[in-house]
Amino acid sequence: MLNRCGVGALGALAVLSLCCATQTLRAEAPPQAKPLPRPRPVEPGVPQVNPPVMAKHRVTFKSDDGLTLVGYLFVPPGPPDKKYPAIVWNHGSEKDPAPDRQFKGIADAFVPAGYAVFAPVRRGQGESQGEYISDTVAAVRASSGKDAAAKKMVELMETSQLGDQLAGLAFLRTQPQIVGDRIVVMGCSYGGIQTILGAESAKA
């Protein structure tokens, strides 16, 4: 089982679940606090000031049943023999997770702080092989009703979807620039569910 210690603890896989069902936390504004200035929109053709620098790699790895899955690895700039702690980002249920927007947005937040970011794409989504989970669930709903569809979704999340996440994690640990026992997992929506399932899996 995983040791759920803090981020960066050796041998730990900490959980930062961004599942939409989690409680929203609100903080009271301090007295006489001034609102933060709104960021200026990025204009096409105008270079950003000190944009984050990182290396982006499109990679492939195998699922436990032989499908070819795609992932995106973002690594801080530095010498090739330097190792980094890593964050696994679990995307949601969208058909195309849009690596140039969603994944790069996560990388822009963490890579400048010295983390590598890896986004494995589960089966049937993006360029990964296999059947799209939402198509499977929709077919069951049409043939057997919403209760059967809900059960099928849970079954897939706990089996093939979880397997794809763990296959991505196993691949990430083989990469020479990654500190294999300093990996954090996080995600949104379906990816939030996968974050919890992955963290409690004995295989992780």
C-alpha atoms as a PDB file:
ATOM      1  CA  MET A   1       0.000   0.000   0.000  1.00  0.00           C
ATOM      2  CA  LEU A   2       1.071   3.588  -0.489  1.00  0.00           C
ATOM      3  CA  ASN A   3       2.464   5.685   2.309  1.00  0.00           C
ATOM      4  CA  ARG A   4       0.387   8.870   2.158  1.00  0.00           C
ATOM      5  CA  CYS A   5       3.004  11.272   3.464  1.00  0.00           C
ATOM      6  CA  GLY A   6       3.558  14.837   2.360  1.00  0.00           C
ATOM      7  CA  VAL A   7       4.747  15.890  -1.057  1.00  0.00           C
ATOM      8  CA  GLY A   8       8.369  14.956  -1.627  1.00  0.00           C
ATOM      9  CA  ALA A   9       8.617  12.345   1.152  1.00  0.00           C
ATOM     10  CA  LEU A  10      10.758   9.445   0.010  1.00  0.00           C
ATOM     11  CA  GLY A  11       8.743   6.427  -0.997  1.00  0.00           C
ATOM     12  CA  ALA A  12       5.501   8.386  -1.014  1.00  0.00           C
ATOM     13  CA  LEU A  13       2.826   9.017  -3.618  1.00  0.00           C
ATOM     14  CA  ALA A  14       0.874  11.974  -2.266  1.00  0.00           C
ATOM     15  CA  VAL A  15      -2.604  12.751  -3.453  1.00  0.00           C
ATOM     16  CA  LEU A  16      -3.733  16.143  -4.692  1.00  0.00           C
ATOM     17  CA  SER A  17      -7.245  15.363  -5.890  1.00  0.00           C
ATOM     18  CA  LEU A  18      -8.986  18.122  -7.802  1.00  0.00           C
ATOM     19  CA  CYS A  19     -12.194  16.149  -8.239  1.00  0.00           C
ATOM     20  CA  CYS A  20     -15.123  18.473  -8.833  1.00  0.00           C
ATOM     21  CA  ALA A  21     -17.061  16.834  -5.989  1.00  0.00           C
ATOM     22  CA  THR A  22     -14.626  18.021  -3.322  1.00  0.00           C
ATOM     23  CA  GLN A  23     -15.578  20.764  -0.883  1.00  0.00           C
ATOM     24  CA  THR A  24     -14.936  24.341  -1.930  1.00  0.00           C
ATOM     25  CA  LEU A  25     -12.851  26.299   0.586  1.00  0.00           C
ATOM     26  CA  ARG A  26     -13.335  30.019   0.930  1.00  0.00           C
ATOM     27  CA  ALA A  27     -11.169  32.472   2.833  1.00  0.00           C
ATOM     28  CA  GLU A  28     -12.381  35.780   4.220  1.00  0.00           C
ATOM     29  CA  ALA A  29     -10.617  38.792   2.743  1.00  0.00           C
ATOM     30  CA  PRO A  30      -8.437  40.607   5.313  1.00  0.00           C
ATOM     31  CA  PRO A  31      -9.590  44.090   6.421  1.00  0.00           C
ATOM     32  CA  GLN A  32      -8.798  46.805   3.890  1.00  0.00           C
ATOM     33  CA  ALA A  33      -7.517  44.205   1.453  1.00  0.00           C
ATOM     34  CA  LYS A  34      -7.141  45.517  -2.050  1.00  0.00           C
ATOM     35  CA  PRO A  35      -8.292  43.313  -4.949  1.00  0.00           C
ATOM     36  CA  LEU A  36      -5.542  41.816  -7.046  1.00  0.00           C
ATOM     37  CA  PRO A  37      -5.152  43.400 -10.470  1.00  0.00           C
ATOM     38  CA  ARG A  38      -6.709  41.401 -13.267  1.00  0.00           C
ATOM     39  CA  PRO A  39      -4.115  39.851 -15.602  1.00  0.00           C
ATOM     40  CA  ARG A  40      -3.850  41.420 -18.987  1.00  0.00           C
ATOM     41  CA  PRO A  41      -4.962  39.145 -21.834  1.00  0.00           C
ATOM     42  CA  VAL A  42      -2.213  37.688 -23.971  1.00  0.00           C
ATOM     43  CA  GLU A  43      -2.329  39.347 -27.370  1.00  0.00           C
ATOM     44  CA  PRO A  44      -1.481  37.281 -30.455  1.00  0.00           C
ATOM     45  CA  GLY A  45       1.994  38.035 -31.710  1.00  0.00           C
ATOM     46  CA  VAL A  46       3.086  39.743 -28.478  1.00  0.00           C
ATOM     47  CA  PRO A  47       5.824  37.735 -26.698  1.00  0.00           C
ATOM     48  CA  GLN A  48       5.274  36.923 -23.009  1.00  0.00           C
ATOM     49  CA  VAL A  49       7.690  38.253 -20.403  1.00  0.00           C
ATOM     50  CA  ASN A  50       9.853  35.408 -19.112  1.00  0.00           C
ATOM     51  CA  PRO A  51       7.634  32.559 -20.397  1.00  0.00           C
ATOM     52  CA  PRO A  52       8.203  29.184 -18.691  1.00  0.00           C
ATOM     53  CA  VAL A  53      10.882  27.127 -20.417  1.00  0.00           C
ATOM     54  CA  MET A  54      10.471  23.364 -20.539  1.00  0.00           C
ATOM     55  CA  ALA A  55      10.997  20.330 -22.716  1.00  0.00           C
ATOM     56  CA  LYS A  56       7.839  18.564 -23.935  1.00  0.00           C
ATOM     57  CA  HIS A  57       7.963  14.926 -25.045  1.00  0.00           C
ATOM     58  CA  ARG A  58       5.156  12.926 -26.649  1.00  0.00           C
ATOM     59  CA  VAL A  59       5.684   9.311 -25.568  1.00  0.00           C
ATOM     60  CA  THR A  60       3.922   5.975 -25.926  1.00  0.00           C
ATOM     61  CA  PHE A  61       3.583   3.063 -23.521  1.00  0.00           C
ATOM     62  CA  LYS A  62       1.596  -0.177 -23.341  1.00  0.00           C
ATOM     63  CA  SER A  63      -1.501  -0.913 -21.290  1.00  0.00           C
ATOM     64  CA  ASP A  64      -1.653  -4.181 -19.391  1.00  0.00           C
ATOM     65  CA  ASP A  65      -3.776  -5.643 -22.216  1.00  0.00           C
ATOM     66  CA  GLY A  66      -1.488  -4.508 -25.029  1.00  0.00           C
ATOM     67  CA  LEU A  67      -2.990  -1.209 -26.203  1.00  0.00           C
ATOM     68  CA  THR A  68      -0.676   1.608 -27.248  1.00  0.00           C
ATOM     69  CA  LEU A  69      -1.325   4.613 -25.046  1.00  0.00           C
ATOM     70  CA  VAL A  70       0.024   8.131 -25.451  1.00  0.00           C
ATOM     71  CA  GLY A  71       1.428  10.411 -22.778  1.00  0.00           C
ATOM     72  CA  TYR A  72       3.032  13.830 -22.533  1.00  0.00           C
ATOM     73  CA  LEU A  73       6.080  14.447 -20.367  1.00  0.00           C
ATOM     74  CA  PHE A  74       7.175  17.981 -19.485  1.00  0.00           C
ATOM     75  CA  VAL A  75      10.628  18.363 -17.928  1.00  0.00           C
ATOM     76  CA  PRO A  76      12.404  21.448 -16.523  1.00  0.00           C
ATOM     77  CA  PRO A  77      15.418  22.722 -18.421  1.00  0.00           C
ATOM     78  CA  GLY A  78      18.723  21.446 -17.125  1.00  0.00           C
ATOM     79  CA  PRO A  79      21.517  18.950 -17.681  1.00  0.00           C
ATOM     80  CA  PRO A  80      20.359  15.576 -19.036  1.00  0.00           C
ATOM     81  CA  ASP A  81      21.612  13.709 -15.963  1.00  0.00           C
ATOM     82  CA  LYS A  82      19.593  15.812 -13.501  1.00  0.00           C
ATOM     83  CA  LYS A  83      16.623  14.076 -11.847  1.00  0.00           C
ATOM     84  CA  TYR A  84      13.318  15.672 -10.874  1.00  0.00           C
ATOM     85  CA  PRO A  85      10.340  14.810  -8.674  1.00  0.00           C
ATOM     86  CA  ALA A  86       7.257  14.343 -10.816  1.00  0.00           C
ATOM     87  CA  ILE A  87       3.522  14.987 -10.929  1.00  0.00           C
ATOM     88  CA  VAL A  88       1.151  12.609 -12.719  1.00  0.00           C
ATOM     89  CA  TRP A  89      -1.841  14.527 -14.075  1.00  0.00           C
ATOM     90  CA  ASN A  90      -5.024  12.480 -14.620  1.00  0.00           C
ATOM     91  CA  HIS A  91      -7.337  14.098 -17.165  1.00  0.00           C
ATOM     92  CA  GLY A  92     -11.128  13.916 -17.088  1.00  0.00           C
ATOM     93  CA  SER A  93     -13.698  12.195 -19.315  1.00  0.00           C
ATOM     94  CA  GLU A  94     -13.316  14.495 -22.321  1.00  0.00           C
ATOM     95  CA  LYS A  95     -12.712  12.768 -25.648  1.00  0.00           C
ATOM     96  CA  ASP A  96      -9.700  14.947 -26.449  1.00  0.00           C
ATOM     97  CA  PRO A  97      -7.828  16.154 -23.353  1.00  0.00           C
ATOM     98  CA  ALA A  98      -6.136  18.853 -25.477  1.00  0.00           C
ATOM     99  CA  PRO A  99      -2.463  18.538 -24.478  1.00  0.00           C
ATOM    100  CA  ASP A 100      -1.562  22.001 -25.747  1.00  0.00           C
ATOM    101  CA  ARG A 101      -4.090  23.605 -23.384  1.00  0.00           C
ATOM    102  CA  GLN A 102      -4.881  21.379 -20.408  1.00  0.00           C
ATOM    103  CA  PHE A 103      -1.585  19.531 -20.012  1.00  0.00           C
ATOM    104  CA  LYS A 104       0.603  22.501 -20.796  1.00  0.00           C
ATOM    105  CA  GLY A 105      -1.419  24.600 -18.370  1.00  0.00           C
ATOM    106  CA  ILE A 106      -0.597  22.172 -15.562  1.00  0.00           C
ATOM    107  CA  ALA A 107       3.045  22.059 -16.663  1.00  0.00           C
ATOM    108  CA  ASP A 108       3.248  25.870 -16.719  1.00  0.00           C
ATOM    109  CA  ALA A 109       2.297  25.870 -13.034  1.00  0.00           C
ATOM    110  CA  PHE A 110       4.698  23.187 -11.793  1.00  0.00           C
ATOM    111  CA  VAL A 111       7.687  22.861 -14.135  1.00  0.00           C
ATOM    112  CA  PRO A 112       9.134  26.285 -13.187  1.00  0.00           C
ATOM    113  CA  ALA A 113       9.096  25.059  -9.560  1.00  0.00           C
ATOM    114  CA  GLY A 114      11.325  22.112 -10.479  1.00  0.00           C
ATOM    115  CA  TYR A 115       8.775  19.346 -11.073  1.00  0.00           C
ATOM    116  CA  ALA A 116       8.397  17.165 -14.130  1.00  0.00           C
ATOM    117  CA  VAL A 117       4.769  16.695 -15.208  1.00  0.00           C
ATOM    118  CA  PHE A 118       3.488  13.533 -16.890  1.00  0.00           C
ATOM    119  CA  ALA A 119      -0.008  13.297 -18.391  1.00  0.00           C
ATOM    120  CA  PRO A 120      -0.920   9.738 -19.459  1.00  0.00           C
ATOM    121  CA  VAL A 121      -3.904   9.571 -21.816  1.00  0.00           C
ATOM    122  CA  ARG A 122      -6.237   6.699 -21.008  1.00  0.00           C
ATOM    123  CA  ARG A 123      -7.673   4.358 -23.630  1.00  0.00           C
ATOM    124  CA  GLY A 124     -10.011   5.724 -26.264  1.00  0.00           C
ATOM    125  CA  GLN A 125      -9.140   9.328 -25.503  1.00  0.00           C
ATOM    126  CA  GLY A 126      -6.869  11.593 -27.497  1.00  0.00           C
ATOM    127  CA  GLU A 127      -4.516   9.456 -29.587  1.00  0.00           C
ATOM    128  CA  SER A 128      -4.590   6.413 -27.299  1.00  0.00           C
ATOM    129  CA  GLN A 129      -5.946   3.153 -28.661  1.00  0.00           C
ATOM    130  CA  GLY A 130      -9.032   1.445 -27.284  1.00  0.00           C
ATOM    131  CA  GLU A 131     -12.713   2.112 -26.710  1.00  0.00           C
ATOM    132  CA  TYR A 132     -13.750   5.471 -25.265  1.00  0.00           C
ATOM    133  CA  ILE A 133     -15.280   5.000 -21.814  1.00  0.00           C
ATOM    134  CA  SER A 134     -18.190   7.370 -22.485  1.00  0.00           C
ATOM    135  CA  ASP A 135     -19.146   5.439 -25.640  1.00  0.00           C
ATOM    136  CA  THR A 136     -19.177   2.179 -23.682  1.00  0.00           C
ATOM    137  CA  VAL A 137     -21.284   3.647 -20.874  1.00  0.00           C
ATOM    138  CA  ALA A 138     -23.698   5.254 -23.369  1.00  0.00           C
ATOM    139  CA  ALA A 139     -24.206   1.918 -25.153  1.00  0.00           C
ATOM    140  CA  VAL A 140     -25.030   0.180 -21.855  1.00  0.00           C
ATOM    141  CA  ARG A 141     -27.425   2.989 -20.934  1.00  0.00           C
ATOM    142  CA  ALA A 142     -29.235   2.625 -24.255  1.00  0.00           C
ATOM    143  CA  SER A 143     -29.579  -1.138 -23.939  1.00  0.00           C
ATOM    144  CA  SER A 144     -30.003  -1.681 -20.193  1.00  0.00           C
ATOM    145  CA  GLY A 145     -30.846   1.621 -18.494  1.00  0.00           C
ATOM    146  CA  LYS A 146     -29.081   4.202 -16.366  1.00  0.00           C
ATOM    147  CA  ASP A 147     -28.496   1.956 -13.337  1.00  0.00           C
ATOM    148  CA  ALA A 148     -26.635  -0.576 -15.460  1.00  0.00           C
ATOM    149  CA  ALA A 149     -24.693   2.253 -17.093  1.00  0.00           C
ATOM    150  CA  ALA A 150     -23.646   3.595 -13.687  1.00  0.00           C
ATOM    151  CA  LYS A 151     -22.418   0.151 -12.648  1.00  0.00           C
ATOM    152  CA  LYS A 152     -20.477  -0.192 -15.904  1.00  0.00           C
ATOM    153  CA  MET A 153     -18.805   3.186 -15.354  1.00  0.00           C
ATOM    154  CA  VAL A 154     -17.681   2.147 -11.866  1.00  0.00           C
ATOM    155  CA  GLU A 155     -16.423  -1.185 -13.215  1.00  0.00           C
ATOM    156  CA  LEU A 156     -14.376   0.482 -15.946  1.00  0.00           C
ATOM    157  CA  MET A 157     -12.939   3.088 -13.586  1.00  0.00           C
ATOM    158  CA  GLU A 158     -11.755   0.344 -11.237  1.00  0.00           C
ATOM    159  CA  THR A 159     -10.330  -1.915 -13.962  1.00  0.00           C
ATOM    160  CA  SER A 160      -9.179  -0.745 -17.393  1.00  0.00           C
ATOM    161  CA  GLN A 161      -9.069   2.976 -16.582  1.00  0.00           C
ATOM    162  CA  LEU A 162      -7.095   2.386 -13.402  1.00  0.00           C
ATOM    163  CA  GLY A 163      -4.849  -0.038 -15.255  1.00  0.00           C
ATOM    164  CA  ASP A 164      -4.039   2.632 -17.833  1.00  0.00           C
ATOM    165  CA  GLN A 165      -3.111   5.114 -15.113  1.00  0.00           C
ATOM    166  CA  LEU A 166      -0.859   2.582 -13.376  1.00  0.00           C
ATOM    167  CA  ALA A 167       0.759   1.638 -16.694  1.00  0.00           C
ATOM    168  CA  GLY A 168       1.603   5.311 -17.151  1.00  0.00           C
ATOM    169  CA  LEU A 169       3.030   5.477 -13.645  1.00  0.00           C
ATOM    170  CA  ALA A 170       5.166   2.405 -14.282  1.00  0.00           C
ATOM    171  CA  PHE A 171       6.446   3.969 -17.511  1.00  0.00           C
ATOM    172  CA  LEU A 172       7.258   7.242 -15.745  1.00  0.00           C
ATOM    173  CA  ARG A 173       9.356   5.449 -13.138  1.00  0.00           C
ATOM    174  CA  THR A 174      11.592   4.060 -15.894  1.00  0.00           C
ATOM    175  CA  GLN A 175      12.543   7.507 -17.175  1.00  0.00           C
ATOM    176  CA  PRO A 176      16.128   8.499 -16.317  1.00  0.00           C
ATOM    177  CA  GLN A 177      15.226  12.097 -15.401  1.00  0.00           C
ATOM    178  CA  ILE A 178      12.575  11.101 -12.830  1.00  0.00           C
ATOM    179  CA  VAL A 179      13.079  10.388  -9.122  1.00  0.00           C
ATOM    180  CA  GLY A 180      10.938   7.254  -8.976  1.00  0.00           C
ATOM    181  CA  ASP A 181      10.028   7.492  -5.281  1.00  0.00           C
ATOM    182  CA  ARG A 182       9.094  11.187  -5.376  1.00  0.00           C
ATOM    183  CA  ILE A 183       5.924  11.156  -7.467  1.00  0.00           C
ATOM    184  CA  VAL A 184       2.673  12.990  -6.737  1.00  0.00           C
ATOM    185  CA  VAL A 185      -0.638  12.226  -8.450  1.00  0.00           C
ATOM    186  CA  MET A 186      -3.475  14.678  -9.089  1.00  0.00           C
ATOM    187  CA  GLY A 187      -6.420  15.048 -11.434  1.00  0.00           C
ATOM    188  CA  CYS A 188      -9.787  16.586 -12.273  1.00  0.00           C
ATOM    189  CA  SER A 189     -13.275  15.064 -12.719  1.00  0.00           C
ATOM    190  CA  TYR A 190     -12.810  11.419 -13.815  1.00  0.00           C
ATOM    191  CA  GLY A 191      -9.137  12.085 -13.192  1.00  0.00           C
ATOM    192  CA  GLY A 192      -9.934  13.018  -9.595  1.00  0.00           C
ATOM    193  CA  ILE A 193     -11.549   9.603  -9.168  1.00  0.00           C
ATOM    194  CA  GLN A 194      -8.511   7.984 -10.770  1.00  0.00           C
ATOM    195  CA  THR A 195      -6.252   9.899  -8.377  1.00  0.00           C
ATOM    196  CA  ILE A 196      -7.959   8.334  -5.371  1.00  0.00           C
ATOM    197  CA  LEU A 197      -8.091   4.849  -6.936  1.00  0.00           C
ATOM    198  CA  GLY A 198      -4.439   5.047  -7.933  1.00  0.00           C
ATOM    199  CA  ALA A 199      -3.310   6.210  -4.510  1.00  0.00           C
ATOM    200  CA  GLU A 200      -5.045   3.328  -2.746  1.00  0.00           C
ATOM    201  CA  SER A 201      -3.915   0.671  -5.246  1.00  0.00           C
ATOM    202  CA  ALA A 202      -1.374  -1.817  -3.950  1.00  0.00           C
ATOM    203  CA  LYS A 203       0.162  -1.886  -7.440  1.00  0.00           C
ATOM    204  CA  ALA A 204       1.161   1.779  -7.197  1.00  0.00           C
END
